[in-house]
Structures are given as structure tokens and as C-alpha cells.
Amino acid sequence: MEGSIVRAVVRLDQCCREVMDAARVMGDTALFQKMQDASAAIKRDVVFAASLYVS
């Protein structure tokens, strides 16, 4: 179950980054900033910590 949550959070961050790229192309700075803030808020937890098993 925890793996599913981790995958969902990683996918959500990827979605935010894709919307950021689209906002940059469209020139929508407000949307870009919102997605940048959302991505930063998502990345604050254990999900994005460096792995102990991968060097």
C-alpha cells in the first residue's frame, strides 16, 4: 500500500512539472508559479529522499 502512495505522489509531481513546461511555453507565469509552488510542497517529504540502496 505504501508503494502505491509513493508512486501516486511521484506521478503528481511529474504532472506538475509537465504543466509547468506547458505554462512556460504558453507564457502563463501565474500558472507556472502555482505549479512550481505545488511541486515544492510535494517534494518536502520522505517520498523524495535519497535511496539507501542506490548509490
PDB file of N, CA and C in Angstrom:
ATOM      1  N   MET A   1       0.820  -1.194   0.000  1.00  0.00           N
ATOM      2  CA  MET A   1       0.000   0.000   0.000  1.00  0.00           C
ATOM      3  C   MET A   1       0.863   1.255   0.000  1.00  0.00           C
ATOM      4  N   GLU A   2       1.932   1.276   0.795  1.00  0.00           N
ATOM      5  CA  GLU A   2       2.783   2.458   0.850  1.00  0.00           C
ATOM      6  C   GLU A   2       3.427   2.736  -0.501  1.00  0.00           C
ATOM      7  N   GLY A   3       3.767   1.651  -1.222  1.00  0.00           N
ATOM      8  CA  GLY A   3       4.355   1.816  -2.552  1.00  0.00           C
ATOM      9  C   GLY A   3       3.408   2.507  -3.514  1.00  0.00           C
ATOM     10  N   SER A   4       2.135   2.213  -3.396  1.00  0.00           N
ATOM     11  CA  SER A   4       1.134   2.854  -4.253  1.00  0.00           C
ATOM     12  C   SER A   4       1.053   4.344  -3.970  1.00  0.00           C
ATOM     13  N   ILE A   5       1.125   4.699  -2.709  1.00  0.00           N
ATOM     14  CA  ILE A   5       1.072   6.113  -2.328  1.00  0.00           C
ATOM     15  C   ILE A   5       2.302   6.838  -2.843  1.00  0.00           C
ATOM     16  N   VAL A   6       3.463   6.209  -2.702  1.00  0.00           N
ATOM     17  CA  VAL A   6       4.704   6.820  -3.182  1.00  0.00           C
ATOM     18  C   VAL A   6       4.630   7.030  -4.688  1.00  0.00           C
ATOM     19  N   ARG A   7       4.174   6.011  -5.422  1.00  0.00           N
ATOM     20  CA  ARG A   7       4.057   6.144  -6.878  1.00  0.00           C
ATOM     21  C   ARG A   7       3.087   7.255  -7.253  1.00  0.00           C
ATOM     22  N   ALA A   8       1.983   7.375  -6.534  1.00  0.00           N
ATOM     23  CA  ALA A   8       0.996   8.417  -6.825  1.00  0.00           C
ATOM     24  C   ALA A   8       1.579   9.806  -6.590  1.00  0.00           C
ATOM     25  N   VAL A   9       2.344   9.970  -5.524  1.00  0.00           N
ATOM     26  CA  VAL A   9       2.946  11.274  -5.233  1.00  0.00           C
ATOM     27  C   VAL A   9       3.994  11.622  -6.286  1.00  0.00           C
ATOM     28  N   VAL A  10       4.785  10.641  -6.694  1.00  0.00           N
ATOM     29  CA  VAL A  10       5.793  10.884  -7.733  1.00  0.00           C
ATOM     30  C   VAL A  10       5.114  11.251  -9.051  1.00  0.00           C
ATOM     31  N   ARG A  11       4.024  10.567  -9.383  1.00  0.00           N
ATOM     32  CA  ARG A  11       3.284  10.899 -10.607  1.00  0.00           C
ATOM     33  C   ARG A  11       2.671  12.293 -10.529  1.00  0.00           C
ATOM     34  N   LEU A  12       2.178  12.665  -9.371  1.00  0.00           N
ATOM     35  CA  LEU A  12       1.616  14.001  -9.192  1.00  0.00           C
ATOM     36  C   LEU A  12       2.679  15.066  -9.412  1.00  0.00           C
ATOM     37  N   ASP A  13       3.883  14.834  -8.893  1.00  0.00           N
ATOM     38  CA  ASP A  13       4.976  15.782  -9.114  1.00  0.00           C
ATOM     39  C   ASP A  13       5.335  15.853 -10.594  1.00  0.00           C
ATOM     40  N   GLN A  14       5.357  14.718 -11.267  1.00  0.00           N
ATOM     41  CA  GLN A  14       5.644  14.701 -12.706  1.00  0.00           C
ATOM     42  C   GLN A  14       4.584  15.493 -13.466  1.00  0.00           C
ATOM     43  N   CYS A  15       3.332  15.347 -13.074  1.00  0.00           N
ATOM     44  CA  CYS A  15       2.243  16.094 -13.705  1.00  0.00           C
ATOM     45  C   CYS A  15       2.425  17.595 -13.504  1.00  0.00           C
ATOM     46  N   CYS A  16       2.813  17.989 -12.302  1.00  0.00           N
ATOM     47  CA  CYS A  16       3.066  19.409 -12.028  1.00  0.00           C
ATOM     48  C   CYS A  16       4.183  19.938 -12.916  1.00  0.00           C
ATOM     49  N   ARG A  17       5.244  19.140 -13.093  1.00  0.00           N
ATOM     50  CA  ARG A  17       6.355  19.579 -13.939  1.00  0.00           C
ATOM     51  C   ARG A  17       5.934  19.695 -15.403  1.00  0.00           C
ATOM     52  N   GLU A  18       5.069  18.790 -15.866  1.00  0.00           N
ATOM     53  CA  GLU A  18       4.583  18.874 -17.241  1.00  0.00           C
ATOM     54  C   GLU A  18       3.707  20.108 -17.442  1.00  0.00           C
ATOM     55  N   VAL A  19       2.860  20.416 -16.470  1.00  0.00           N
ATOM     56  CA  VAL A  19       2.030  21.625 -16.557  1.00  0.00           C
ATOM     57  C   VAL A  19       2.919  22.865 -16.501  1.00  0.00           C
ATOM     58  N   MET A  20       3.993  22.820 -15.692  1.00  0.00           N
ATOM     59  CA  MET A  20       4.945  23.941 -15.653  1.00  0.00           C
ATOM     60  C   MET A  20       5.557  24.175 -17.028  1.00  0.00           C
ATOM     61  N   ASP A  21       5.958  23.092 -17.698  1.00  0.00           N
ATOM     62  CA  ASP A  21       6.533  23.221 -19.040  1.00  0.00           C
ATOM     63  C   ASP A  21       5.527  23.824 -20.014  1.00  0.00           C
ATOM     64  N   ALA A  22       4.280  23.368 -19.940  1.00  0.00           N
ATOM     65  CA  ALA A  22       3.240  23.905 -20.816  1.00  0.00           C
ATOM     66  C   ALA A  22       2.978  25.376 -20.511  1.00  0.00           C
ATOM     67  N   ALA A  23       2.957  25.732 -19.238  1.00  0.00           N
ATOM     68  CA  ALA A  23       2.725  27.130 -18.855  1.00  0.00           C
ATOM     69  C   ALA A  23       3.864  28.015 -19.346  1.00  0.00           C
ATOM     70  N   ARG A  24       5.088  27.499 -19.297  1.00  0.00           N
ATOM     71  CA  ARG A  24       6.236  28.270 -19.785  1.00  0.00           C
ATOM     72  C   ARG A  24       6.100  28.527 -21.280  1.00  0.00           C
ATOM     73  N   VAL A  25       5.694  27.508 -22.038  1.00  0.00           N
ATOM     74  CA  VAL A  25       5.532  27.648 -23.486  1.00  0.00           C
ATOM     75  C   VAL A  25       4.415  28.635 -23.806  1.00  0.00           C
ATOM     76  N   MET A  26       3.320  28.576 -23.041  1.00  0.00           N
ATOM     77  CA  MET A  26       2.186  29.474 -23.280  1.00  0.00           C
ATOM     78  C   MET A  26       2.438  30.879 -22.759  1.00  0.00           C
ATOM     79  N   GLY A  27       3.422  31.035 -21.885  1.00  0.00           N
ATOM     80  CA  GLY A  27       3.701  32.344 -21.312  1.00  0.00           C
ATOM     81  C   GLY A  27       2.817  32.687 -20.128  1.00  0.00           C
ATOM     82  N   ASP A  28       2.213  31.692 -19.511  1.00  0.00           N
ATOM     83  CA  ASP A  28       1.332  31.903 -18.361  1.00  0.00           C
ATOM     84  C   ASP A  28       2.162  31.829 -17.078  1.00  0.00           C
ATOM     85  N   THR A  29       2.671  32.970 -16.639  1.00  0.00           N
ATOM     86  CA  THR A  29       3.568  32.988 -15.480  1.00  0.00           C
ATOM     87  C   THR A  29       2.840  32.662 -14.176  1.00  0.00           C
ATOM     88  N   ALA A  30       1.567  33.011 -14.079  1.00  0.00           N
ATOM     89  CA  ALA A  30       0.810  32.716 -12.856  1.00  0.00           C
ATOM     90  C   ALA A  30       0.650  31.206 -12.676  1.00  0.00           C
ATOM     91  N   LEU A  31       0.286  30.513 -13.747  1.00  0.00           N
ATOM     92  CA  LEU A  31       0.147  29.056 -13.684  1.00  0.00           C
ATOM     93  C   LEU A  31       1.496  28.398 -13.413  1.00  0.00           C
ATOM     94  N   PHE A  32       2.542  28.906 -14.050  1.00  0.00           N
ATOM     95  CA  PHE A  32       3.884  28.369 -13.827  1.00  0.00           C
ATOM     96  C   PHE A  32       4.266  28.475 -12.356  1.00  0.00           C
ATOM     97  N   GLN A  33       4.010  29.622 -11.753  1.00  0.00           N
ATOM     98  CA  GLN A  33       4.357  29.830 -10.344  1.00  0.00           C
ATOM     99  C   GLN A  33       3.539  28.921  -9.429  1.00  0.00           C
ATOM    100  N   LYS A  34       2.258  28.756  -9.738  1.00  0.00           N
ATOM    101  CA  LYS A  34       1.414  27.871  -8.928  1.00  0.00           C
ATOM    102  C   LYS A  34       1.917  26.436  -8.972  1.00  0.00           C
ATOM    103  N   MET A  35       2.281  25.968 -10.153  1.00  0.00           N
ATOM    104  CA  MET A  35       2.778  24.594 -10.287  1.00  0.00           C
ATOM    105  C   MET A  35       4.152  24.441  -9.638  1.00  0.00           C
ATOM    106  N   GLN A  36       4.959  25.484  -9.698  1.00  0.00           N
ATOM    107  CA  GLN A  36       6.270  25.445  -9.046  1.00  0.00           C
ATOM    108  C   GLN A  36       6.094  25.356  -7.530  1.00  0.00           C
ATOM    109  N   ASP A  37       5.167  26.121  -6.984  1.00  0.00           N
ATOM    110  CA  ASP A  37       4.881  26.066  -5.549  1.00  0.00           C
ATOM    111  C   ASP A  37       4.311  24.703  -5.150  1.00  0.00           C
ATOM    112  N   ALA A  38       3.422  24.164  -5.988  1.00  0.00           N
ATOM    113  CA  ALA A  38       2.837  22.852  -5.697  1.00  0.00           C
ATOM    114  C   ALA A  38       3.910  21.770  -5.716  1.00  0.00           C
ATOM    115  N   SER A  39       4.803  21.828  -6.675  1.00  0.00           N
ATOM    116  CA  SER A  39       5.879  20.840  -6.767  1.00  0.00           C
ATOM    117  C   SER A  39       6.798  20.929  -5.560  1.00  0.00           C
ATOM    118  N   ALA A  40       7.102  22.134  -5.125  1.00  0.00           N
ATOM    119  CA  ALA A  40       7.951  22.308  -3.940  1.00  0.00           C
ATOM    120  C   ALA A  40       7.258  21.766  -2.693  1.00  0.00           C
ATOM    121  N   ALA A  41       5.945  21.954  -2.593  1.00  0.00           N
ATOM    122  CA  ALA A  41       5.205  21.448  -1.436  1.00  0.00           C
ATOM    123  C   ALA A  41       5.153  19.921  -1.442  1.00  0.00           C
ATOM    124  N   ILE A  42       5.064  19.338  -2.616  1.00  0.00           N
ATOM    125  CA  ILE A  42       5.017  17.880  -2.723  1.00  0.00           C
ATOM    126  C   ILE A  42       6.355  17.264  -2.349  1.00  0.00           C
ATOM    127  N   LYS A  43       7.449  17.911  -2.734  1.00  0.00           N
ATOM    128  CA  LYS A  43       8.788  17.337  -2.561  1.00  0.00           C
ATOM    129  C   LYS A  43       9.332  17.454  -1.146  1.00  0.00           C
ATOM    130  N   ARG A  44       8.565  17.853  -0.186  1.00  0.00           N
ATOM    131  CA  ARG A  44       9.092  18.120   1.143  1.00  0.00           C
ATOM    132  C   ARG A  44       9.156  16.893   2.042  1.00  0.00           C
ATOM    133  N   ASP A  45       8.761  15.735   1.580  1.00  0.00           N
ATOM    134  CA  ASP A  45       8.612  14.605   2.490  1.00  0.00           C
ATOM    135  C   ASP A  45       9.522  13.443   2.128  1.00  0.00           C
ATOM    136  N   VAL A  46       9.303  12.330   2.748  1.00  0.00           N
ATOM    137  CA  VAL A  46      10.148  11.144   2.632  1.00  0.00           C
ATOM    138  C   VAL A  46      10.134  10.564   1.219  1.00  0.00           C
ATOM    139  N   VAL A  47       9.083  10.798   0.470  1.00  0.00           N
ATOM    140  CA  VAL A  47       8.941  10.203  -0.855  1.00  0.00           C
ATOM    141  C   VAL A  47      10.130  10.541  -1.750  1.00  0.00           C
ATOM    142  N   PHE A  48      10.672  11.740  -1.624  1.00  0.00           N
ATOM    143  CA  PHE A  48      11.748  12.178  -2.497  1.00  0.00           C
ATOM    144  C   PHE A  48      13.110  12.124  -1.822  1.00  0.00           C
ATOM    145  N   ALA A  49      13.212  11.427  -0.709  1.00  0.00           N
ATOM    146  CA  ALA A  49      14.503  11.264  -0.042  1.00  0.00           C
ATOM    147  C   ALA A  49      15.384  10.327  -0.864  1.00  0.00           C
ATOM    148  N   ALA A  50      16.689  10.515  -0.757  1.00  0.00           N
ATOM    149  CA  ALA A  50      17.620   9.661  -1.483  1.00  0.00           C
ATOM    150  C   ALA A  50      17.510   8.223  -0.978  1.00  0.00           C
ATOM    151  N   SER A  51      17.629   7.297  -1.884  1.00  0.00           N
ATOM    152  CA  SER A  51      17.521   5.883  -1.530  1.00  0.00           C
ATOM    153  C   SER A  51      18.764   5.413  -0.796  1.00  0.00           C
ATOM    154  N   LEU A  52      18.572   4.525   0.152  1.00  0.00           N
ATOM    155  CA  LEU A  52      19.698   3.929   0.861  1.00  0.00           C
ATOM    156  C   LEU A  52      20.325   2.800   0.053  1.00  0.00           C
ATOM    157  N   TYR A  53      19.611   2.301  -0.945  1.00  0.00           N
ATOM    158  CA  TYR A  53      20.051   1.129  -1.688  1.00  0.00           C
ATOM    159  C   TYR A  53      20.702   1.464  -3.020  1.00  0.00           C
ATOM    160  N   VAL A  54      20.482   2.662  -3.520  1.00  0.00           N
ATOM    161  CA  VAL A  54      21.034   3.057  -4.813  1.00  0.00           C
ATOM    162  C   VAL A  54      22.130   4.077  -4.567  1.00  0.00           C
ATOM    163  N   SER A  55      23.271   3.837  -5.161  1.00  0.00           N
ATOM    164  CA  SER A  55      24.369   4.794  -4.963  1.00  0.00           C
ATOM    165  C   SER A  55      24.524   5.719  -6.139  1.00  0.00           C
TER     166      SER A  55
END
